[in-house]
Amino acid sequence: MKRHLKRALELILMPLAAAVVFFEDVLLHYLGVAMAAFAKWPPVARLEAWFGRLPPWGALVAFVAPSTLVLPIKLAAFGFALHGKFALATASILLGKVLATALVARLYKILRPTLVTMPWFLASETWVFKWRDRLYAFVESLPAWQKTKAMVQRLRRWLSGLVAGLLAR
């Protein structure tokens, strides 16, 4: 019984864990690049500099605030779903999540030096990243993950060669 339960949990949790690893690896990288480019715009650069000068409690409020900004998007998605527009509801939620993730990741990068001056924040961050790293190590040790990663690398090399060949013409 115990072995069957463990296997069932693995089947349920593995796609979720793989999705989390993929999301952080790929999407956060490209969102970070986009947000860094956006941060070069002078008004955004000034706002980021102001964020960097906030006291710890102000930095915490600025870091948590984007979570509340997603609420109207979720309410709109709920409204779309009530009216049977499920594709629009799904698109709203996905867009809201991507934008909130990009914003929170950028704010984390800017506010982290201030936030870690609060001992409880540093302890929480250490605990979260410890568990994230353990999850990553587990997912990356799976044969299915390794095969998929090798396949993606082969696809990238093939696409790079294809693009290089087209540009050489």
N, C-alpha and C. Protein backbone atom coordinates (compact mmCIF):
# COMPACT_ATOMS: atom_id res chain seq x y z
N MET A 1 0.82 -1.20 0.00
CA MET A 1 0.00 0.00 0.00
C MET A 1 0.86 1.26 0.00
N LYS A 2 1.88 1.24 0.86
CA LYS A 2 2.74 2.42 0.98
C LYS A 2 3.46 2.70 -0.34
N ARG A 3 3.93 1.65 -1.02
CA ARG A 3 4.63 1.80 -2.27
C ARG A 3 3.71 2.38 -3.35
N HIS A 4 2.45 1.94 -3.36
CA HIS A 4 1.49 2.44 -4.34
C HIS A 4 1.16 3.91 -4.09
N LEU A 5 1.04 4.28 -2.83
CA LEU A 5 0.77 5.67 -2.49
C LEU A 5 1.94 6.56 -2.92
N LYS A 6 3.15 6.09 -2.67
CA LYS A 6 4.33 6.86 -3.06
C LYS A 6 4.37 7.04 -4.57
N ARG A 7 4.09 6.00 -5.30
CA ARG A 7 4.09 6.05 -6.77
C ARG A 7 3.00 7.00 -7.27
N ALA A 8 1.82 6.95 -6.67
CA ALA A 8 0.73 7.84 -7.07
C ALA A 8 1.10 9.30 -6.82
N LEU A 9 1.71 9.56 -5.67
CA LEU A 9 2.13 10.93 -5.36
C LEU A 9 3.20 11.41 -6.34
N GLU A 10 4.12 10.52 -6.70
CA GLU A 10 5.14 10.88 -7.68
C GLU A 10 4.51 11.24 -9.01
N LEU A 11 3.54 10.45 -9.45
CA LEU A 11 2.87 10.72 -10.73
C LEU A 11 2.13 12.04 -10.72
N ILE A 12 1.60 12.40 -9.56
CA ILE A 12 0.86 13.66 -9.45
C ILE A 12 1.81 14.84 -9.31
N LEU A 13 2.83 14.69 -8.48
CA LEU A 13 3.70 15.81 -8.16
C LEU A 13 4.80 16.06 -9.19
N MET A 14 5.21 15.05 -9.92
CA MET A 14 6.31 15.23 -10.87
C MET A 14 6.01 16.26 -11.95
N PRO A 15 4.86 16.21 -12.60
CA PRO A 15 4.60 17.25 -13.60
C PRO A 15 4.57 18.65 -12.98
N LEU A 16 4.04 18.75 -11.77
CA LEU A 16 4.01 20.04 -11.10
C LEU A 16 5.43 20.53 -10.79
N ALA A 17 6.26 19.66 -10.27
CA ALA A 17 7.64 20.03 -9.95
C ALA A 17 8.41 20.39 -11.22
N ALA A 18 8.21 19.63 -12.28
CA ALA A 18 8.89 19.92 -13.54
C ALA A 18 8.43 21.27 -14.10
N ALA A 19 7.14 21.55 -13.97
CA ALA A 19 6.62 22.84 -14.45
C ALA A 19 7.23 24.00 -13.66
N VAL A 20 7.37 23.84 -12.36
CA VAL A 20 7.97 24.89 -11.53
C VAL A 20 9.42 25.13 -11.95
N VAL A 21 10.18 24.06 -12.13
CA VAL A 21 11.58 24.19 -12.54
C VAL A 21 11.67 24.85 -13.91
N PHE A 22 10.83 24.40 -14.85
CA PHE A 22 10.83 24.98 -16.20
C PHE A 22 10.47 26.47 -16.13
N PHE A 23 9.43 26.78 -15.36
CA PHE A 23 8.97 28.16 -15.23
C PHE A 23 10.09 29.05 -14.72
N GLU A 24 10.74 28.62 -13.66
CA GLU A 24 11.82 29.45 -13.11
C GLU A 24 13.01 29.53 -14.05
N ASP A 25 13.36 28.41 -14.65
CA ASP A 25 14.53 28.39 -15.53
C ASP A 25 14.35 29.27 -16.76
N VAL A 26 13.27 29.10 -17.44
CA VAL A 26 13.09 29.74 -18.74
C VAL A 26 12.37 31.08 -18.63
N LEU A 27 11.17 31.03 -18.10
CA LEU A 27 10.35 32.24 -18.10
C LEU A 27 10.97 33.35 -17.27
N LEU A 28 11.45 33.03 -16.09
CA LEU A 28 12.04 34.08 -15.25
C LEU A 28 13.28 34.69 -15.90
N HIS A 29 14.04 33.87 -16.61
CA HIS A 29 15.21 34.41 -17.30
C HIS A 29 14.80 35.47 -18.32
N TYR A 30 13.85 35.13 -19.18
CA TYR A 30 13.44 36.07 -20.22
C TYR A 30 12.66 37.25 -19.67
N LEU A 31 11.87 37.03 -18.63
CA LEU A 31 11.19 38.15 -17.98
C LEU A 31 12.20 39.10 -17.35
N GLY A 32 13.24 38.53 -16.75
CA GLY A 32 14.29 39.36 -16.16
C GLY A 32 15.01 40.21 -17.19
N VAL A 33 15.29 39.62 -18.35
CA VAL A 33 15.93 40.37 -19.43
C VAL A 33 15.02 41.51 -19.89
N ALA A 34 13.73 41.21 -20.06
CA ALA A 34 12.78 42.23 -20.50
C ALA A 34 12.64 43.35 -19.47
N MET A 35 12.55 42.97 -18.20
CA MET A 35 12.40 43.99 -17.14
C MET A 35 13.66 44.84 -17.00
N ALA A 36 14.84 44.23 -17.18
CA ALA A 36 16.09 45.00 -17.12
C ALA A 36 16.15 46.02 -18.27
N ALA A 37 15.68 45.61 -19.44
CA ALA A 37 15.64 46.54 -20.56
C ALA A 37 14.66 47.68 -20.29
N PHE A 38 13.50 47.34 -19.72
CA PHE A 38 12.49 48.35 -19.38
C PHE A 38 13.02 49.30 -18.31
N ALA A 39 13.86 48.79 -17.41
CA ALA A 39 14.40 49.60 -16.32
C ALA A 39 15.39 50.67 -16.81
N LYS A 40 15.81 50.58 -18.06
CA LYS A 40 16.72 51.59 -18.60
C LYS A 40 15.97 52.87 -18.98
N TRP A 41 14.66 52.79 -19.06
CA TRP A 41 13.87 53.97 -19.35
C TRP A 41 13.99 54.92 -18.15
N PRO A 42 14.35 56.18 -18.35
CA PRO A 42 14.65 57.08 -17.22
C PRO A 42 13.59 57.16 -16.12
N PRO A 43 12.28 57.24 -16.42
CA PRO A 43 11.33 57.29 -15.30
C PRO A 43 11.35 56.01 -14.46
N VAL A 44 11.51 54.88 -15.10
CA VAL A 44 11.57 53.61 -14.37
C VAL A 44 12.86 53.52 -13.58
N ALA A 45 13.96 53.99 -14.15
CA ALA A 45 15.25 53.98 -13.45
C ALA A 45 15.17 54.85 -12.19
N ARG A 46 14.51 56.01 -12.29
CA ARG A 46 14.36 56.87 -11.11
C ARG A 46 13.49 56.19 -10.05
N LEU A 47 12.42 55.53 -10.48
CA LEU A 47 11.55 54.83 -9.54
C LEU A 47 12.31 53.69 -8.84
N GLU A 48 13.11 52.95 -9.61
CA GLU A 48 13.90 51.88 -9.01
C GLU A 48 14.92 52.43 -8.01
N ALA A 49 15.54 53.56 -8.33
CA ALA A 49 16.50 54.17 -7.41
C ALA A 49 15.79 54.57 -6.12
N TRP A 50 14.57 55.09 -6.24
CA TRP A 50 13.78 55.47 -5.06
C TRP A 50 13.46 54.23 -4.22
N PHE A 51 13.07 53.14 -4.89
CA PHE A 51 12.80 51.88 -4.18
C PHE A 51 14.04 51.42 -3.41
N GLY A 52 15.20 51.59 -4.03
CA GLY A 52 16.44 51.16 -3.39
C GLY A 52 16.78 51.95 -2.13
N ARG A 53 16.20 53.13 -1.97
CA ARG A 53 16.46 53.95 -0.79
C ARG A 53 15.41 53.79 0.30
N LEU A 54 14.42 52.94 0.09
CA LEU A 54 13.36 52.75 1.08
C LEU A 54 13.90 52.09 2.35
N PRO A 55 13.30 52.42 3.49
CA PRO A 55 13.65 51.69 4.72
C PRO A 55 13.09 50.27 4.64
N PRO A 56 13.52 49.38 5.52
CA PRO A 56 13.08 47.98 5.44
C PRO A 56 11.56 47.79 5.39
N TRP A 57 10.80 48.49 6.23
CA TRP A 57 9.34 48.31 6.22
C TRP A 57 8.74 48.79 4.91
N GLY A 58 9.28 49.88 4.36
CA GLY A 58 8.80 50.40 3.06
C GLY A 58 9.13 49.44 1.93
N ALA A 59 10.32 48.84 2.01
CA ALA A 59 10.71 47.86 1.00
C ALA A 59 9.79 46.65 1.05
N LEU A 60 9.42 46.25 2.26
CA LEU A 60 8.51 45.11 2.41
C LEU A 60 7.15 45.41 1.80
N VAL A 61 6.63 46.60 2.05
CA VAL A 61 5.34 46.99 1.47
C VAL A 61 5.44 47.02 -0.06
N ALA A 62 6.53 47.58 -0.58
CA ALA A 62 6.71 47.65 -2.04
C ALA A 62 6.84 46.25 -2.64
N PHE A 63 7.43 45.35 -1.90
CA PHE A 63 7.63 43.98 -2.40
C PHE A 63 6.31 43.20 -2.41
N VAL A 64 5.46 43.43 -1.42
CA VAL A 64 4.20 42.70 -1.29
C VAL A 64 3.09 43.32 -2.16
N ALA A 65 3.18 44.60 -2.46
CA ALA A 65 2.12 45.32 -3.18
C ALA A 65 1.72 44.68 -4.51
N PRO A 66 2.65 44.19 -5.34
CA PRO A 66 2.21 43.61 -6.62
C PRO A 66 1.24 42.45 -6.47
N SER A 67 1.27 41.78 -5.35
CA SER A 67 0.32 40.69 -5.13
C SER A 67 -1.10 41.23 -5.10
N THR A 68 -1.28 42.42 -4.58
CA THR A 68 -2.62 43.02 -4.55
C THR A 68 -3.01 43.59 -5.91
N LEU A 69 -2.02 43.93 -6.74
CA LEU A 69 -2.31 44.46 -8.06
C LEU A 69 -2.92 43.40 -8.98
N VAL A 70 -2.68 42.14 -8.68
CA VAL A 70 -3.20 41.06 -9.51
C VAL A 70 -4.67 40.79 -9.20
N LEU A 71 -5.15 41.25 -8.05
CA LEU A 71 -6.54 41.00 -7.65
C LEU A 71 -7.55 41.49 -8.69
N PRO A 72 -7.44 42.71 -9.24
CA PRO A 72 -8.41 43.11 -10.26
C PRO A 72 -8.38 42.21 -11.50
N ILE A 73 -7.21 41.72 -11.86
CA ILE A 73 -7.11 40.82 -13.01
C ILE A 73 -7.84 39.51 -12.70
N LYS A 74 -7.68 39.01 -11.47
CA LYS A 74 -8.38 37.79 -11.09
C LYS A 74 -9.89 38.00 -11.06
N LEU A 75 -10.33 39.16 -10.58
CA LEU A 75 -11.76 39.47 -10.58
C LEU A 75 -12.31 39.56 -12.00
N ALA A 76 -11.53 40.17 -12.89
CA ALA A 76 -11.95 40.25 -14.29
C ALA A 76 -12.05 38.85 -14.89
N ALA A 77 -11.08 38.01 -14.58
CA ALA A 77 -11.11 36.63 -15.09
C ALA A 77 -12.34 35.90 -14.56
N PHE A 78 -12.67 36.13 -13.30
CA PHE A 78 -13.87 35.52 -12.72
C PHE A 78 -15.12 35.99 -13.46
N GLY A 79 -15.16 37.28 -13.78
CA GLY A 79 -16.29 37.82 -14.55
C GLY A 79 -16.37 37.20 -15.93
N PHE A 80 -15.23 37.06 -16.59
CA PHE A 80 -15.21 36.41 -17.91
C PHE A 80 -15.75 34.99 -17.80
N ALA A 81 -15.30 34.27 -16.78
CA ALA A 81 -15.74 32.88 -16.60
C ALA A 81 -17.24 32.81 -16.34
N LEU A 82 -17.76 33.75 -15.57
CA LEU A 82 -19.20 33.78 -15.30
C LEU A 82 -20.01 33.95 -16.58
N HIS A 83 -19.44 34.65 -17.53
CA HIS A 83 -20.12 34.89 -18.80
C HIS A 83 -19.75 33.85 -19.86
N GLY A 84 -19.10 32.77 -19.44
CA GLY A 84 -18.79 31.67 -20.35
C GLY A 84 -17.60 31.91 -21.26
N LYS A 85 -16.83 32.95 -21.00
CA LYS A 85 -15.66 33.26 -21.83
C LYS A 85 -14.41 32.69 -21.15
N PHE A 86 -14.31 31.36 -21.19
CA PHE A 86 -13.26 30.68 -20.44
C PHE A 86 -11.87 30.92 -21.03
N ALA A 87 -11.78 31.05 -22.35
CA ALA A 87 -10.48 31.32 -22.96
C ALA A 87 -9.98 32.70 -22.52
N LEU A 88 -10.87 33.67 -22.49
CA LEU A 88 -10.50 35.01 -22.05
C LEU A 88 -10.14 35.02 -20.56
N ALA A 89 -10.88 34.24 -19.77
CA ALA A 89 -10.58 34.14 -18.34
C ALA A 89 -9.20 33.53 -18.14
N THR A 90 -8.90 32.46 -18.86
CA THR A 90 -7.60 31.81 -18.74
C THR A 90 -6.48 32.74 -19.20
N ALA A 91 -6.69 33.42 -20.32
CA ALA A 91 -5.68 34.35 -20.82
C ALA A 91 -5.44 35.48 -19.82
N SER A 92 -6.51 35.97 -19.19
CA SER A 92 -6.36 37.04 -18.20
C SER A 92 -5.53 36.58 -17.01
N ILE A 93 -5.82 35.40 -16.53
CA ILE A 93 -5.06 34.88 -15.38
C ILE A 93 -3.60 34.67 -15.75
N LEU A 94 -3.35 34.08 -16.91
CA LEU A 94 -1.97 33.83 -17.33
C LEU A 94 -1.20 35.14 -17.52
N LEU A 95 -1.83 36.11 -18.18
CA LEU A 95 -1.17 37.40 -18.39
C LEU A 95 -0.90 38.10 -17.05
N GLY A 96 -1.88 38.06 -16.17
CA GLY A 96 -1.70 38.66 -14.85
C GLY A 96 -0.58 38.01 -14.07
N LYS A 97 -0.52 36.68 -14.12
CA LYS A 97 0.53 35.96 -13.41
C LYS A 97 1.91 36.29 -13.98
N VAL A 98 2.01 36.34 -15.30
CA VAL A 98 3.30 36.63 -15.93
C VAL A 98 3.76 38.04 -15.57
N LEU A 99 2.84 39.00 -15.67
CA LEU A 99 3.21 40.38 -15.34
C LEU A 99 3.57 40.53 -13.86
N ALA A 100 2.79 39.91 -12.99
CA ALA A 100 3.09 39.98 -11.56
C ALA A 100 4.42 39.31 -11.25
N THR A 101 4.68 38.19 -11.89
CA THR A 101 5.95 37.49 -11.66
C THR A 101 7.13 38.35 -12.11
N ALA A 102 7.00 38.98 -13.28
CA ALA A 102 8.07 39.84 -13.77
C ALA A 102 8.31 41.00 -12.81
N LEU A 103 7.23 41.59 -12.34
CA LEU A 103 7.35 42.73 -11.44
C LEU A 103 7.94 42.33 -10.09
N VAL A 104 7.46 41.23 -9.53
CA VAL A 104 7.97 40.78 -8.22
C VAL A 104 9.44 40.38 -8.34
N ALA A 105 9.82 39.72 -9.44
CA ALA A 105 11.22 39.32 -9.62
C ALA A 105 12.13 40.56 -9.70
N ARG A 106 11.68 41.57 -10.42
CA ARG A 106 12.47 42.80 -10.53
C ARG A 106 12.56 43.51 -9.17
N LEU A 107 11.42 43.60 -8.49
CA LEU A 107 11.42 44.23 -7.17
C LEU A 107 12.31 43.47 -6.19
N TYR A 108 12.28 42.16 -6.28
CA TYR A 108 13.13 41.35 -5.40
C TYR A 108 14.60 41.70 -5.62
N LYS A 109 14.97 41.82 -6.89
CA LYS A 109 16.36 42.14 -7.21
C LYS A 109 16.75 43.52 -6.66
N ILE A 110 15.83 44.46 -6.74
CA ILE A 110 16.11 45.83 -6.27
C ILE A 110 16.06 45.92 -4.74
N LEU A 111 15.07 45.27 -4.14
CA LEU A 111 14.81 45.44 -2.71
C LEU A 111 15.52 44.44 -1.81
N ARG A 112 16.07 43.38 -2.36
CA ARG A 112 16.68 42.34 -1.54
C ARG A 112 17.72 42.88 -0.56
N PRO A 113 18.65 43.76 -0.99
CA PRO A 113 19.64 44.25 -0.02
C PRO A 113 19.01 44.89 1.22
N THR A 114 17.88 45.55 1.05
CA THR A 114 17.19 46.15 2.20
C THR A 114 16.40 45.10 2.97
N LEU A 115 15.72 44.22 2.24
CA LEU A 115 14.87 43.22 2.90
C LEU A 115 15.66 42.27 3.79
N VAL A 116 16.87 41.90 3.38
CA VAL A 116 17.64 40.95 4.18
C VAL A 116 18.21 41.56 5.46
N THR A 117 18.02 42.87 5.64
CA THR A 117 18.43 43.46 6.91
C THR A 117 17.45 43.08 8.02
N MET A 118 16.29 42.56 7.64
CA MET A 118 15.32 42.07 8.62
C MET A 118 15.61 40.59 8.86
N PRO A 119 15.99 40.20 10.06
CA PRO A 119 16.39 38.82 10.32
C PRO A 119 15.33 37.78 9.93
N TRP A 120 14.07 38.06 10.17
CA TRP A 120 13.03 37.08 9.85
C TRP A 120 12.92 36.89 8.34
N PHE A 121 13.16 37.96 7.56
CA PHE A 121 13.10 37.83 6.10
C PHE A 121 14.26 36.97 5.60
N LEU A 122 15.45 37.23 6.14
CA LEU A 122 16.62 36.44 5.74
C LEU A 122 16.44 34.97 6.08
N ALA A 123 15.90 34.68 7.26
CA ALA A 123 15.66 33.28 7.66
C ALA A 123 14.63 32.64 6.74
N SER A 124 13.57 33.37 6.41
CA SER A 124 12.53 32.83 5.52
C SER A 124 13.08 32.58 4.13
N GLU A 125 13.85 33.53 3.63
CA GLU A 125 14.45 33.39 2.30
C GLU A 125 15.38 32.17 2.25
N THR A 126 16.19 32.00 3.28
CA THR A 126 17.10 30.86 3.35
C THR A 126 16.32 29.56 3.34
N TRP A 127 15.25 29.48 4.11
CA TRP A 127 14.43 28.27 4.18
C TRP A 127 13.79 27.96 2.83
N VAL A 128 13.21 28.99 2.18
CA VAL A 128 12.55 28.79 0.88
C VAL A 128 13.55 28.31 -0.17
N PHE A 129 14.71 28.95 -0.24
CA PHE A 129 15.68 28.57 -1.26
C PHE A 129 16.29 27.21 -0.98
N LYS A 130 16.41 26.84 0.27
CA LYS A 130 16.90 25.50 0.61
C LYS A 130 15.95 24.44 0.04
N TRP A 131 14.66 24.65 0.28
CA TRP A 131 13.67 23.69 -0.23
C TRP A 131 13.57 23.72 -1.75
N ARG A 132 13.69 24.91 -2.33
CA ARG A 132 13.67 25.01 -3.80
C ARG A 132 14.85 24.25 -4.40
N ASP A 133 16.02 24.43 -3.82
CA ASP A 133 17.20 23.74 -4.33
C ASP A 133 17.08 22.23 -4.21
N ARG A 134 16.49 21.77 -3.11
CA ARG A 134 16.26 20.32 -2.95
C ARG A 134 15.29 19.80 -4.00
N LEU A 135 14.24 20.56 -4.26
CA LEU A 135 13.26 20.17 -5.29
C LEU A 135 13.91 20.15 -6.66
N TYR A 136 14.70 21.17 -6.97
CA TYR A 136 15.40 21.22 -8.25
C TYR A 136 16.32 20.02 -8.42
N ALA A 137 17.09 19.73 -7.39
CA ALA A 137 18.02 18.60 -7.46
C ALA A 137 17.26 17.30 -7.71
N PHE A 138 16.13 17.12 -7.05
CA PHE A 138 15.34 15.92 -7.24
C PHE A 138 14.81 15.83 -8.68
N VAL A 139 14.22 16.92 -9.17
CA VAL A 139 13.66 16.93 -10.52
C VAL A 139 14.77 16.71 -11.56
N GLU A 140 15.89 17.39 -11.37
CA GLU A 140 16.98 17.28 -12.34
C GLU A 140 17.65 15.90 -12.31
N SER A 141 17.46 15.13 -11.25
CA SER A 141 18.03 13.79 -11.19
C SER A 141 17.15 12.76 -11.89
N LEU A 142 15.94 13.12 -12.24
CA LEU A 142 15.02 12.17 -12.88
C LEU A 142 15.45 11.89 -14.32
N PRO A 143 15.41 10.64 -14.73
CA PRO A 143 15.77 10.30 -16.11
C PRO A 143 14.90 11.04 -17.14
N ALA A 144 13.62 11.19 -16.86
CA ALA A 144 12.74 11.89 -17.81
C ALA A 144 13.18 13.34 -17.99
N TRP A 145 13.59 13.98 -16.90
CA TRP A 145 14.06 15.36 -16.99
C TRP A 145 15.35 15.43 -17.81
N GLN A 146 16.26 14.51 -17.55
CA GLN A 146 17.54 14.52 -18.26
C GLN A 146 17.34 14.28 -19.76
N LYS A 147 16.44 13.37 -20.11
CA LYS A 147 16.16 13.11 -21.53
C LYS A 147 15.51 14.32 -22.18
N THR A 148 14.59 14.94 -21.49
CA THR A 148 13.92 16.13 -22.03
C THR A 148 14.91 17.27 -22.20
N LYS A 149 15.77 17.45 -21.22
CA LYS A 149 16.77 18.52 -21.30
C LYS A 149 17.72 18.29 -22.49
N ALA A 150 18.14 17.04 -22.68
CA ALA A 150 19.02 16.72 -23.81
C ALA A 150 18.30 16.99 -25.14
N MET A 151 17.01 16.64 -25.19
CA MET A 151 16.24 16.88 -26.41
C MET A 151 16.13 18.38 -26.69
N VAL A 152 15.88 19.18 -25.66
CA VAL A 152 15.77 20.63 -25.83
C VAL A 152 17.11 21.21 -26.29
N GLN A 153 18.21 20.71 -25.73
CA GLN A 153 19.53 21.20 -26.15
C GLN A 153 19.81 20.86 -27.61
N ARG A 154 19.42 19.64 -28.04
CA ARG A 154 19.58 19.28 -29.46
C ARG A 154 18.74 20.18 -30.35
N LEU A 155 17.52 20.47 -29.92
CA LEU A 155 16.64 21.35 -30.68
C LEU A 155 17.22 22.76 -30.77
N ARG A 156 17.78 23.26 -29.68
CA ARG A 156 18.41 24.59 -29.70
C ARG A 156 19.58 24.63 -30.67
N ARG A 157 20.43 23.59 -30.62
CA ARG A 157 21.57 23.55 -31.54
C ARG A 157 21.10 23.51 -32.99
N TRP A 158 20.06 22.72 -33.26
CA TRP A 158 19.53 22.62 -34.62
C TRP A 158 18.99 23.97 -35.07
N LEU A 159 18.22 24.65 -34.19
CA LEU A 159 17.66 25.95 -34.54
C LEU A 159 18.76 26.99 -34.73
N SER A 160 19.79 26.94 -33.88
CA SER A 160 20.91 27.88 -34.03
C SER A 160 21.59 27.67 -35.36
N GLY A 161 21.81 26.42 -35.74
CA GLY A 161 22.41 26.12 -37.03
C GLY A 161 21.54 26.57 -38.18
N LEU A 162 20.25 26.38 -38.05
CA LEU A 162 19.31 26.81 -39.08
C LEU A 162 19.32 28.32 -39.24
N VAL A 163 19.27 29.05 -38.14
CA VAL A 163 19.29 30.51 -38.18
C VAL A 163 20.63 31.01 -38.74
N ALA A 164 21.73 30.40 -38.28
CA ALA A 164 23.05 30.81 -38.77
C ALA A 164 23.13 30.57 -40.27
N GLY A 165 22.60 29.45 -40.75
CA GLY A 165 22.60 29.16 -42.18
C GLY A 165 21.77 30.16 -42.98
N LEU A 166 20.65 30.57 -42.43
CA LEU A 166 19.80 31.54 -43.12
C LEU A 166 20.45 32.92 -43.15
N LEU A 167 21.12 33.28 -42.06
CA LEU A 167 21.77 34.59 -42.00
C LEU A 167 23.02 34.64 -42.87
N ALA A 168 23.64 33.50 -43.12
CA ALA A 168 24.87 33.46 -43.93
C ALA A 168 24.58 33.70 -45.41
N ARG A 169 23.35 33.51 -45.80
CA ARG A 169 23.00 33.66 -47.23
C ARG A 169 23.04 35.06 -47.67
